[in-house]
Amino acid sequence: AKEQFGGSASEDASMHLHDFCEICDMKFFKNMENDIVKLKLFPFSLRGKAKDWLLSLPNGSIKSWENLKKAFIKKYYPPVKILQNKNSILSFKKNDN
């Protein structure tokens, strides 16, 4: 499904996380912390290589939503891409028009 992240280079990991959090933040689960909801639902937002990656993580290595989010970004939004985006922003110039 289009809403699921598959791990291909053409997909935007950052936007996937943003959209996923936005959806989770809309829901209210009585007596359950929002981060726990995200942790439990995130696997359903993945498919293909991304789902395989998540399932390959060692048991007990992900203890919180923050851990999972950092691992996901490290895997699918590498520092090289972050640096490229920063450089694009820093070299942004206004045209005459």
C-alpha atoms as a PDB file:
ATOM      1  CA  ALA A   1       0.000   0.000   0.000  1.00  0.00           C
ATOM      2  CA  LYS A   2       1.085   3.559  -0.676  1.00  0.00           C
ATOM      3  CA  GLU A   3       0.762   4.424   3.007  1.00  0.00           C
ATOM      4  CA  GLN A   4       3.323   1.789   3.965  1.00  0.00           C
ATOM      5  CA  PHE A   5       7.061   2.386   3.755  1.00  0.00           C
ATOM      6  CA  GLY A   6       8.986  -0.242   1.820  1.00  0.00           C
ATOM      7  CA  GLY A   7      12.548   0.990   2.163  1.00  0.00           C
ATOM      8  CA  SER A   8      13.287   1.940  -1.445  1.00  0.00           C
ATOM      9  CA  ALA A   9      15.552   4.891  -2.219  1.00  0.00           C
ATOM     10  CA  SER A  10      12.666   6.759  -3.843  1.00  0.00           C
ATOM     11  CA  GLU A  11      10.660   6.785  -0.609  1.00  0.00           C
ATOM     12  CA  ASP A  12      11.003   9.540   1.981  1.00  0.00           C
ATOM     13  CA  ALA A  13      11.659   8.048   5.434  1.00  0.00           C
ATOM     14  CA  SER A  14      11.291  11.397   7.148  1.00  0.00           C
ATOM     15  CA  MET A  15       7.892  12.055   5.570  1.00  0.00           C
ATOM     16  CA  HIS A  16       6.763   8.538   6.453  1.00  0.00           C
ATOM     17  CA  LEU A  17       7.603   9.135  10.120  1.00  0.00           C
ATOM     18  CA  HIS A  18       5.894  12.508  10.026  1.00  0.00           C
ATOM     19  CA  ASP A  19       2.697  11.108   8.484  1.00  0.00           C
ATOM     20  CA  PHE A  20       2.702   8.101  10.812  1.00  0.00           C
ATOM     21  CA  CYS A  21       3.038  10.301  13.915  1.00  0.00           C
ATOM     22  CA  GLU A  22       0.340  12.628  12.643  1.00  0.00           C
ATOM     23  CA  ILE A  23      -2.089   9.712  12.281  1.00  0.00           C
ATOM     24  CA  CYS A  24      -1.197   8.260  15.686  1.00  0.00           C
ATOM     25  CA  ASP A  25      -1.551  11.645  17.358  1.00  0.00           C
ATOM     26  CA  MET A  26      -5.138  11.887  16.074  1.00  0.00           C
ATOM     27  CA  LYS A  27      -6.185   8.820  18.044  1.00  0.00           C
ATOM     28  CA  PHE A  28      -6.743   8.663  21.761  1.00  0.00           C
ATOM     29  CA  PHE A  29      -6.373   5.315  23.460  1.00  0.00           C
ATOM     30  CA  LYS A  30      -7.585   5.402  27.024  1.00  0.00           C
ATOM     31  CA  ASN A  31      -4.954   4.379  29.562  1.00  0.00           C
ATOM     32  CA  MET A  32      -2.223   4.027  26.926  1.00  0.00           C
ATOM     33  CA  GLU A  33       0.684   6.370  26.336  1.00  0.00           C
ATOM     34  CA  ASN A  34       0.859   7.751  22.795  1.00  0.00           C
ATOM     35  CA  ASP A  35       4.465   6.559  22.369  1.00  0.00           C
ATOM     36  CA  ILE A  36       3.408   3.001  23.220  1.00  0.00           C
ATOM     37  CA  VAL A  37       0.662   3.218  20.595  1.00  0.00           C
ATOM     38  CA  LYS A  38       3.257   4.337  18.021  1.00  0.00           C
ATOM     39  CA  LEU A  39       5.617   1.542  19.018  1.00  0.00           C
ATOM     40  CA  LYS A  40       2.893  -1.080  18.612  1.00  0.00           C
ATOM     41  CA  LEU A  41       1.453   0.289  15.362  1.00  0.00           C
ATOM     42  CA  PHE A  42       4.671   1.175  13.520  1.00  0.00           C
ATOM     43  CA  PRO A  43       5.315  -2.362  12.183  1.00  0.00           C
ATOM     44  CA  PHE A  44       1.968  -2.157  10.357  1.00  0.00           C
ATOM     45  CA  SER A  45       3.209   0.936   8.525  1.00  0.00           C
ATOM     46  CA  LEU A  46       6.057  -1.006   6.920  1.00  0.00           C
ATOM     47  CA  ARG A  47       6.270  -3.466   4.039  1.00  0.00           C
ATOM     48  CA  GLY A  48       8.931  -5.325   2.086  1.00  0.00           C
ATOM     49  CA  LYS A  49      12.575  -4.573   2.924  1.00  0.00           C
ATOM     50  CA  ALA A  50      11.616  -2.141   5.674  1.00  0.00           C
ATOM     51  CA  LYS A  51       9.429  -4.728   7.429  1.00  0.00           C
ATOM     52  CA  ASP A  52      12.204  -7.336   7.052  1.00  0.00           C
ATOM     53  CA  TRP A  53      14.681  -4.867   8.598  1.00  0.00           C
ATOM     54  CA  LEU A  54      12.433  -4.262  11.597  1.00  0.00           C
ATOM     55  CA  LEU A  55      11.865  -7.979  12.145  1.00  0.00           C
ATOM     56  CA  SER A  56      15.631  -8.603  11.914  1.00  0.00           C
ATOM     57  CA  LEU A  57      16.436  -6.325  14.860  1.00  0.00           C
ATOM     58  CA  PRO A  58      17.591  -8.301  17.917  1.00  0.00           C
ATOM     59  CA  ASN A  59      14.890  -9.010  20.501  1.00  0.00           C
ATOM     60  CA  GLY A  60      14.958  -6.385  23.228  1.00  0.00           C
ATOM     61  CA  SER A  61      17.026  -3.905  21.205  1.00  0.00           C
ATOM     62  CA  ILE A  62      14.084  -1.510  20.852  1.00  0.00           C
ATOM     63  CA  LYS A  63      12.826  -0.388  24.230  1.00  0.00           C
ATOM     64  CA  SER A  64      10.940   2.784  23.322  1.00  0.00           C
ATOM     65  CA  TRP A  65       9.406   4.745  20.470  1.00  0.00           C
ATOM     66  CA  GLU A  66      12.436   7.057  20.576  1.00  0.00           C
ATOM     67  CA  ASN A  67      14.761   4.022  20.077  1.00  0.00           C
ATOM     68  CA  LEU A  68      12.709   2.797  17.133  1.00  0.00           C
ATOM     69  CA  LYS A  69      12.495   6.234  15.542  1.00  0.00           C
ATOM     70  CA  LYS A  70      16.277   6.732  15.797  1.00  0.00           C
ATOM     71  CA  ALA A  71      16.999   3.249  14.398  1.00  0.00           C
ATOM     72  CA  PHE A  72      14.603   3.847  11.494  1.00  0.00           C
ATOM     73  CA  ILE A  73      16.142   7.217  10.611  1.00  0.00           C
ATOM     74  CA  LYS A  74      19.659   5.804  10.915  1.00  0.00           C
ATOM     75  CA  LYS A  75      18.758   2.992   8.523  1.00  0.00           C
ATOM     76  CA  TYR A  76      16.633   4.860   5.988  1.00  0.00           C
ATOM     77  CA  TYR A  77      17.737   8.471   6.285  1.00  0.00           C
ATOM     78  CA  PRO A  78      21.538   8.193   6.401  1.00  0.00           C
ATOM     79  CA  PRO A  79      23.819  11.091   7.431  1.00  0.00           C
ATOM     80  CA  VAL A  80      24.895  11.576   3.793  1.00  0.00           C
ATOM     81  CA  LYS A  81      21.318  12.452   2.840  1.00  0.00           C
ATOM     82  CA  ILE A  82      20.986  14.785   5.836  1.00  0.00           C
ATOM     83  CA  LEU A  83      24.222  16.531   4.815  1.00  0.00           C
ATOM     84  CA  GLN A  84      23.009  16.872   1.207  1.00  0.00           C
ATOM     85  CA  ASN A  85      19.764  18.455   2.411  1.00  0.00           C
ATOM     86  CA  LYS A  86      21.634  20.833   4.736  1.00  0.00           C
ATOM     87  CA  ASN A  87      23.930  21.878   1.895  1.00  0.00           C
ATOM     88  CA  SER A  88      20.922  22.512  -0.350  1.00  0.00           C
ATOM     89  CA  ILE A  89      19.369  24.715   2.295  1.00  0.00           C
ATOM     90  CA  LEU A  90      22.593  26.586   3.035  1.00  0.00           C
ATOM     91  CA  SER A  91      23.280  27.252  -0.641  1.00  0.00           C
ATOM     92  CA  PHE A  92      19.743  28.473  -1.323  1.00  0.00           C
ATOM     93  CA  LYS A  93      19.789  31.801  -3.173  1.00  0.00           C
ATOM     94  CA  LYS A  94      17.065  34.183  -4.155  1.00  0.00           C
ATOM     95  CA  ASN A  95      16.605  34.716  -7.894  1.00  0.00           C
ATOM     96  CA  ASP A  96      16.187  38.186  -9.355  1.00  0.00           C
ATOM     97  CA  ASN A  97      12.598  37.306 -10.199  1.00  0.00           C
END
